[in-house]
Amino acid sequence: ADGGELEFDNSQLHYLDTTEADTVVTLALSGAADWTGRLGASVGVKAAMNLRQFQLSGTGWQVAARQPLEAQVTEGLAQLATVEFSTSVGPLSLGGTFGAAAVDVVADMGSIDLAALDGPWQGTGKAALRLQGSPAKMRGTGFLQLTKAEFAEHDIGDISFQPYASGSEFLHRFNGDATNTSYDNIIRHCYICRVFIIT
């Protein structure tokens, strides 16, 4: 069809994540979306989405929009108005543009508390990330800071990560007492850091 609309009323989509011990991930939506043009076409397509409910959840974690989520798509470029989310580890602000040719997305977490996650990491801190470029060649800038961090019940101290280039290059610095702690083991298991290492 060359246009249409969809309405969601607490619609739920379920996905089985086999990489995390067969965890079921659920996406709940309420709101509407409409478009003009033929979906899948490279040109001539415009779309708008307004969701009063957006909630993504799995075992032990959740991400939910705290305000209506609004997005516009024109000629393959999507623009997401900055939205405030609540997450299991703290508030998240997210917004920007993304498409097949260009990406410019900003995420900010002014307060992080890892105690809510069922994982090896503990600590509090903050983070910010900006992704720019194209999907094929992305560049990330930002930081992740954790205070009084622990990994698998080992005290690490303060941690600061700062991506500064494309590829897998990143600057890292550890401060604190790392007695009986293997940094190589920490890096291998640092799932959080994967967000900040741009490949």
C-alpha atoms as a PDB file:
ATOM      1  CA  ALA A   1       0.000   0.000   0.000  1.00  0.00           C
ATOM      2  CA  ASP A   2       1.048   3.627  -0.565  1.00  0.00           C
ATOM      3  CA  GLY A   3       0.072   4.711   2.930  1.00  0.00           C
ATOM      4  CA  GLY A   4      -1.597   3.589   6.101  1.00  0.00           C
ATOM      5  CA  GLU A   5      -1.728   3.765   9.859  1.00  0.00           C
ATOM      6  CA  LEU A   6      -1.357   1.504  12.865  1.00  0.00           C
ATOM      7  CA  GLU A   7      -2.704   1.840  16.380  1.00  0.00           C
ATOM      8  CA  PHE A   8      -1.322   0.144  19.478  1.00  0.00           C
ATOM      9  CA  ASP A   9      -3.208  -0.334  22.735  1.00  0.00           C
ATOM     10  CA  ASN A  10      -0.842  -1.995  25.179  1.00  0.00           C
ATOM     11  CA  SER A  11       0.263  -4.250  22.318  1.00  0.00           C
ATOM     12  CA  GLN A  12       2.936  -6.701  23.430  1.00  0.00           C
ATOM     13  CA  LEU A  13       5.635  -8.273  21.311  1.00  0.00           C
ATOM     14  CA  HIS A  14       7.699 -11.121  22.716  1.00  0.00           C
ATOM     15  CA  TYR A  15      11.193 -12.202  21.681  1.00  0.00           C
ATOM     16  CA  LEU A  16      13.123 -15.238  22.903  1.00  0.00           C
ATOM     17  CA  ASP A  17      16.745 -14.242  23.524  1.00  0.00           C
ATOM     18  CA  THR A  18      18.640 -17.522  23.298  1.00  0.00           C
ATOM     19  CA  THR A  19      21.951 -15.799  24.105  1.00  0.00           C
ATOM     20  CA  GLU A  20      20.785 -15.073  27.663  1.00  0.00           C
ATOM     21  CA  ALA A  21      19.589 -18.475  28.904  1.00  0.00           C
ATOM     22  CA  ASP A  22      16.402 -18.317  26.800  1.00  0.00           C
ATOM     23  CA  THR A  23      15.254 -15.047  28.346  1.00  0.00           C
ATOM     24  CA  VAL A  24      11.956 -13.662  27.056  1.00  0.00           C
ATOM     25  CA  VAL A  25      12.164  -9.972  26.120  1.00  0.00           C
ATOM     26  CA  THR A  26       8.833  -8.098  25.962  1.00  0.00           C
ATOM     27  CA  LEU A  27       8.056  -4.841  24.150  1.00  0.00           C
ATOM     28  CA  ALA A  28       4.810  -3.103  25.165  1.00  0.00           C
ATOM     29  CA  LEU A  29       3.450  -0.255  23.005  1.00  0.00           C
ATOM     30  CA  SER A  30       0.513   2.144  23.089  1.00  0.00           C
ATOM     31  CA  GLY A  31       0.022   4.881  20.522  1.00  0.00           C
ATOM     32  CA  ALA A  32      -0.135   5.268  16.755  1.00  0.00           C
ATOM     33  CA  ALA A  33       1.982   5.406  13.609  1.00  0.00           C
ATOM     34  CA  ASP A  34       1.094   6.529  10.099  1.00  0.00           C
ATOM     35  CA  TRP A  35       2.938   6.765   6.799  1.00  0.00           C
ATOM     36  CA  THR A  36       2.676   7.851   3.185  1.00  0.00           C
ATOM     37  CA  GLY A  37       4.477   6.171   0.324  1.00  0.00           C
ATOM     38  CA  ARG A  38       5.293   2.542  -0.274  1.00  0.00           C
ATOM     39  CA  LEU A  39       7.004   0.884   2.680  1.00  0.00           C
ATOM     40  CA  GLY A  40      10.398  -0.470   1.710  1.00  0.00           C
ATOM     41  CA  ALA A  41      10.912   2.067  -1.079  1.00  0.00           C
ATOM     42  CA  SER A  42      14.169   4.051  -0.981  1.00  0.00           C
ATOM     43  CA  VAL A  43      12.442   7.388  -1.726  1.00  0.00           C
ATOM     44  CA  GLY A  44       9.038   8.975  -1.255  1.00  0.00           C
ATOM     45  CA  VAL A  45       8.294   7.529   2.167  1.00  0.00           C
ATOM     46  CA  LYS A  46       7.300   9.667   5.149  1.00  0.00           C
ATOM     47  CA  ALA A  47       6.196   8.340   8.522  1.00  0.00           C
ATOM     48  CA  ALA A  48       5.317   9.632  11.972  1.00  0.00           C
ATOM     49  CA  MET A  49       5.025   7.791  15.273  1.00  0.00           C
ATOM     50  CA  ASN A  50       3.664   8.924  18.605  1.00  0.00           C
ATOM     51  CA  LEU A  51       3.775   6.400  21.436  1.00  0.00           C
ATOM     52  CA  ARG A  52       2.308   7.234  24.825  1.00  0.00           C
ATOM     53  CA  GLN A  53       3.694   3.933  26.138  1.00  0.00           C
ATOM     54  CA  PHE A  54       7.051   2.313  25.339  1.00  0.00           C
ATOM     55  CA  GLN A  55       8.349  -0.372  27.659  1.00  0.00           C
ATOM     56  CA  LEU A  56      11.066  -2.941  26.986  1.00  0.00           C
ATOM     57  CA  SER A  57      11.703  -5.537  29.663  1.00  0.00           C
ATOM     58  CA  GLY A  58      13.429  -8.809  30.371  1.00  0.00           C
ATOM     59  CA  THR A  59      14.462 -10.838  33.390  1.00  0.00           C
ATOM     60  CA  GLY A  60      15.775  -8.388  35.993  1.00  0.00           C
ATOM     61  CA  TRP A  61      15.746  -5.251  33.819  1.00  0.00           C
ATOM     62  CA  GLN A  62      13.375  -2.737  32.254  1.00  0.00           C
ATOM     63  CA  VAL A  63      13.471   0.386  30.055  1.00  0.00           C
ATOM     64  CA  ALA A  64      10.343   2.576  29.923  1.00  0.00           C
ATOM     65  CA  ALA A  65       9.654   5.982  28.382  1.00  0.00           C
ATOM     66  CA  ARG A  66       8.598   8.588  30.943  1.00  0.00           C
ATOM     67  CA  GLN A  67       6.930  10.769  28.312  1.00  0.00           C
ATOM     68  CA  PRO A  68       5.431  10.290  24.826  1.00  0.00           C
ATOM     69  CA  LEU A  69       7.935   9.026  22.298  1.00  0.00           C
ATOM     70  CA  GLU A  70       7.778  10.952  19.014  1.00  0.00           C
ATOM     71  CA  ALA A  71       9.655  10.098  15.820  1.00  0.00           C
ATOM     72  CA  GLN A  72       9.562  11.280  12.213  1.00  0.00           C
ATOM     73  CA  VAL A  73      10.937   9.449   9.176  1.00  0.00           C
ATOM     74  CA  THR A  74      11.615  11.266   5.906  1.00  0.00           C
ATOM     75  CA  GLU A  75      13.426   9.741   2.930  1.00  0.00           C
ATOM     76  CA  GLY A  76      15.027   7.056   5.074  1.00  0.00           C
ATOM     77  CA  LEU A  77      16.191   9.401   7.852  1.00  0.00           C
ATOM     78  CA  ALA A  78      14.551   8.958  11.262  1.00  0.00           C
ATOM     79  CA  GLN A  79      14.517  11.741  13.827  1.00  0.00           C
ATOM     80  CA  LEU A  80      13.748  10.916  17.449  1.00  0.00           C
ATOM     81  CA  ALA A  81      12.855  13.808  19.724  1.00  0.00           C
ATOM     82  CA  THR A  82      14.808  13.601  22.976  1.00  0.00           C
ATOM     83  CA  VAL A  83      12.992  11.274  25.369  1.00  0.00           C
ATOM     84  CA  GLU A  84      13.516  10.597  29.065  1.00  0.00           C
ATOM     85  CA  PHE A  85      13.490   6.916  30.033  1.00  0.00           C
ATOM     86  CA  SER A  86      13.537   5.149  33.366  1.00  0.00           C
ATOM     87  CA  THR A  87      15.789   2.096  33.456  1.00  0.00           C
ATOM     88  CA  SER A  88      16.776  -0.464  36.045  1.00  0.00           C
ATOM     89  CA  VAL A  89      20.091   1.332  36.663  1.00  0.00           C
ATOM     90  CA  GLY A  90      18.937   4.967  36.455  1.00  0.00           C
ATOM     91  CA  PRO A  91      17.408   7.656  34.225  1.00  0.00           C
ATOM     92  CA  LEU A  92      18.319   7.761  30.530  1.00  0.00           C
ATOM     93  CA  SER A  93      17.975  10.599  28.023  1.00  0.00           C
ATOM     94  CA  LEU A  94      18.067   9.571  24.342  1.00  0.00           C
ATOM     95  CA  GLY A  95      17.501  11.372  21.051  1.00  0.00           C
ATOM     96  CA  GLY A  96      18.924  12.128  17.621  1.00  0.00           C
ATOM     97  CA  THR A  97      18.780  11.107  13.983  1.00  0.00           C
ATOM     98  CA  PHE A  98      19.710   7.871  12.262  1.00  0.00           C
ATOM     99  CA  GLY A  99      19.439   6.383   8.793  1.00  0.00           C
ATOM    100  CA  ALA A 100      21.281   4.375   6.152  1.00  0.00           C
ATOM    101  CA  ALA A 101      23.595   7.289   5.323  1.00  0.00           C
ATOM    102  CA  ALA A 102      24.042   9.184   8.590  1.00  0.00           C
ATOM    103  CA  VAL A 103      23.763   8.752  12.351  1.00  0.00           C
ATOM    104  CA  ASP A 104      23.882  11.352  15.131  1.00  0.00           C
ATOM    105  CA  VAL A 105      22.519   9.974  18.411  1.00  0.00           C
ATOM    106  CA  VAL A 106      23.091  11.276  21.943  1.00  0.00           C
ATOM    107  CA  ALA A 107      22.516   9.282  25.134  1.00  0.00           C
ATOM    108  CA  ASP A 108      23.035  10.510  28.679  1.00  0.00           C
ATOM    109  CA  MET A 109      22.763   8.837  32.075  1.00  0.00           C
ATOM    110  CA  GLY A 110      23.416  11.329  34.852  1.00  0.00           C
ATOM    111  CA  SER A 111      23.009   8.766  37.620  1.00  0.00           C
ATOM    112  CA  ILE A 112      23.793   5.028  37.466  1.00  0.00           C
ATOM    113  CA  ASP A 113      23.403   2.416  40.188  1.00  0.00           C
ATOM    114  CA  LEU A 114      24.339  -1.128  39.169  1.00  0.00           C
ATOM    115  CA  ALA A 115      22.935  -2.663  42.358  1.00  0.00           C
ATOM    116  CA  ALA A 116      19.617  -3.354  40.616  1.00  0.00           C
ATOM    117  CA  LEU A 117      21.230  -5.694  38.081  1.00  0.00           C
ATOM    118  CA  ASP A 118      21.814  -9.372  38.753  1.00  0.00           C
ATOM    119  CA  GLY A 119      25.398  -9.405  37.540  1.00  0.00           C
ATOM    120  CA  PRO A 120      29.043  -9.303  38.624  1.00  0.00           C
ATOM    121  CA  TRP A 121      29.298  -5.497  38.541  1.00  0.00           C
ATOM    122  CA  GLN A 122      28.459  -3.142  41.410  1.00  0.00           C
ATOM    123  CA  GLY A 123      28.990   0.582  41.688  1.00  0.00           C
ATOM    124  CA  THR A 124      27.472   3.989  41.053  1.00  0.00           C
ATOM    125  CA  GLY A 125      28.342   6.640  38.515  1.00  0.00           C
ATOM    126  CA  LYS A 126      27.293   8.346  35.306  1.00  0.00           C
ATOM    127  CA  ALA A 127      27.723   8.005  31.542  1.00  0.00           C
ATOM    128  CA  ALA A 128      27.235   9.807  28.252  1.00  0.00           C
ATOM    129  CA  LEU A 129      27.658   8.733  24.649  1.00  0.00           C
ATOM    130  CA  ARG A 130      27.374  10.354  21.219  1.00  0.00           C
ATOM    131  CA  LEU A 131      27.460   8.277  18.039  1.00  0.00           C
ATOM    132  CA  GLN A 132      28.167  10.060  14.755  1.00  0.00           C
ATOM    133  CA  GLY A 133      28.973   9.049  11.213  1.00  0.00           C
ATOM    134  CA  SER A 134      27.463   6.364   9.052  1.00  0.00           C
ATOM    135  CA  PRO A 135      26.360   2.860  10.078  1.00  0.00           C
ATOM    136  CA  ALA A 136      29.404   1.488   8.242  1.00  0.00           C
ATOM    137  CA  LYS A 137      31.848   3.903   9.904  1.00  0.00           C
ATOM    138  CA  MET A 138      30.711   5.018  13.316  1.00  0.00           C
ATOM    139  CA  ARG A 139      32.551   7.254  15.759  1.00  0.00           C
ATOM    140  CA  GLY A 140      31.783   7.381  19.452  1.00  0.00           C
ATOM    141  CA  THR A 141      32.629  10.023  22.031  1.00  0.00           C
ATOM    142  CA  GLY A 142      31.634  10.096  25.676  1.00  0.00           C
ATOM    143  CA  PHE A 143      32.520   8.544  28.992  1.00  0.00           C
ATOM    144  CA  LEU A 144      31.591   6.001  31.639  1.00  0.00           C
ATOM    145  CA  GLN A 145      32.539   6.650  35.256  1.00  0.00           C
ATOM    146  CA  LEU A 146      31.952   4.289  38.166  1.00  0.00           C
ATOM    147  CA  THR A 147      32.691   4.994  41.816  1.00  0.00           C
ATOM    148  CA  LYS A 148      33.497   2.280  44.373  1.00  0.00           C
ATOM    149  CA  ALA A 149      33.176  -0.343  41.679  1.00  0.00           C
ATOM    150  CA  GLU A 150      33.188  -4.051  42.411  1.00  0.00           C
ATOM    151  CA  PHE A 151      33.524  -6.980  40.034  1.00  0.00           C
ATOM    152  CA  ALA A 152      32.578 -10.451  41.274  1.00  0.00           C
ATOM    153  CA  GLU A 153      32.940  -9.167  44.880  1.00  0.00           C
ATOM    154  CA  HIS A 154      36.456  -7.810  44.219  1.00  0.00           C
ATOM    155  CA  ASP A 155      36.990  -4.155  45.097  1.00  0.00           C
ATOM    156  CA  ILE A 156      38.253  -2.191  42.099  1.00  0.00           C
ATOM    157  CA  GLY A 157      37.858   1.415  43.144  1.00  0.00           C
ATOM    158  CA  ASP A 158      37.007   4.148  40.656  1.00  0.00           C
ATOM    159  CA  ILE A 159      36.799   3.351  36.928  1.00  0.00           C
ATOM    160  CA  SER A 160      36.767   5.721  33.985  1.00  0.00           C
ATOM    161  CA  PHE A 161      36.319   4.741  30.332  1.00  0.00           C
ATOM    162  CA  GLN A 162      36.444   7.247  27.515  1.00  0.00           C
ATOM    163  CA  PRO A 163      36.075   6.278  23.835  1.00  0.00           C
ATOM    164  CA  TYR A 164      37.885   8.669  21.578  1.00  0.00           C
ATOM    165  CA  ALA A 165      38.131   7.131  18.116  1.00  0.00           C
ATOM    166  CA  SER A 166      36.533   4.797  15.609  1.00  0.00           C
ATOM    167  CA  GLY A 167      37.312   1.106  15.541  1.00  0.00           C
ATOM    168  CA  SER A 168      37.924  -0.626  18.843  1.00  0.00           C
ATOM    169  CA  GLU A 169      40.307   2.056  20.185  1.00  0.00           C
ATOM    170  CA  PHE A 170      39.428   3.459  23.566  1.00  0.00           C
ATOM    171  CA  LEU A 171      41.150   5.106  26.515  1.00  0.00           C
ATOM    172  CA  HIS A 172      40.785   3.416  29.855  1.00  0.00           C
ATOM    173  CA  ARG A 173      42.036   4.230  33.322  1.00  0.00           C
ATOM    174  CA  PHE A 174      41.709   2.376  36.598  1.00  0.00           C
ATOM    175  CA  ASN A 175      42.175   3.948  40.048  1.00  0.00           C
ATOM    176  CA  GLY A 176      41.966   2.178  43.367  1.00  0.00           C
ATOM    177  CA  ASP A 177      43.029  -1.054  44.958  1.00  0.00           C
ATOM    178  CA  ALA A 178      42.802  -3.973  42.552  1.00  0.00           C
ATOM    179  CA  THR A 179      44.339  -6.577  44.844  1.00  0.00           C
ATOM    180  CA  ASN A 180      43.581 -10.125  43.668  1.00  0.00           C
ATOM    181  CA  THR A 181      41.721  -8.747  40.646  1.00  0.00           C
ATOM    182  CA  SER A 182      42.626  -9.592  37.058  1.00  0.00           C
ATOM    183  CA  TYR A 183      42.099  -6.611  34.744  1.00  0.00           C
ATOM    184  CA  ASP A 184      42.176  -8.929  31.723  1.00  0.00           C
ATOM    185  CA  ASN A 185      39.286 -10.877  33.234  1.00  0.00           C
ATOM    186  CA  ILE A 186      37.427  -7.645  33.972  1.00  0.00           C
ATOM    187  CA  ILE A 187      37.783  -6.376  30.401  1.00  0.00           C
ATOM    188  CA  ARG A 188      36.597  -9.705  28.967  1.00  0.00           C
ATOM    189  CA  HIS A 189      33.474  -9.603  31.118  1.00  0.00           C
ATOM    190  CA  CYS A 190      32.764  -5.885  30.961  1.00  0.00           C
ATOM    191  CA  TYR A 191      29.413  -6.070  29.175  1.00  0.00           C
ATOM    192  CA  ILE A 192      28.742  -2.402  29.950  1.00  0.00           C
ATOM    193  CA  CYS A 193      31.889  -1.343  28.144  1.00  0.00           C
ATOM    194  CA  ARG A 194      30.701  -2.953  24.912  1.00  0.00           C
ATOM    195  CA  VAL A 195      28.335  -0.023  24.499  1.00  0.00           C
ATOM    196  CA  PHE A 196      31.301   2.327  24.507  1.00  0.00           C
ATOM    197  CA  ILE A 197      33.672   0.337  22.279  1.00  0.00           C
ATOM    198  CA  ILE A 198      32.688   1.208  18.713  1.00  0.00           C
ATOM    199  CA  THR A 199      33.433  -1.559  16.219  1.00  0.00           C
END
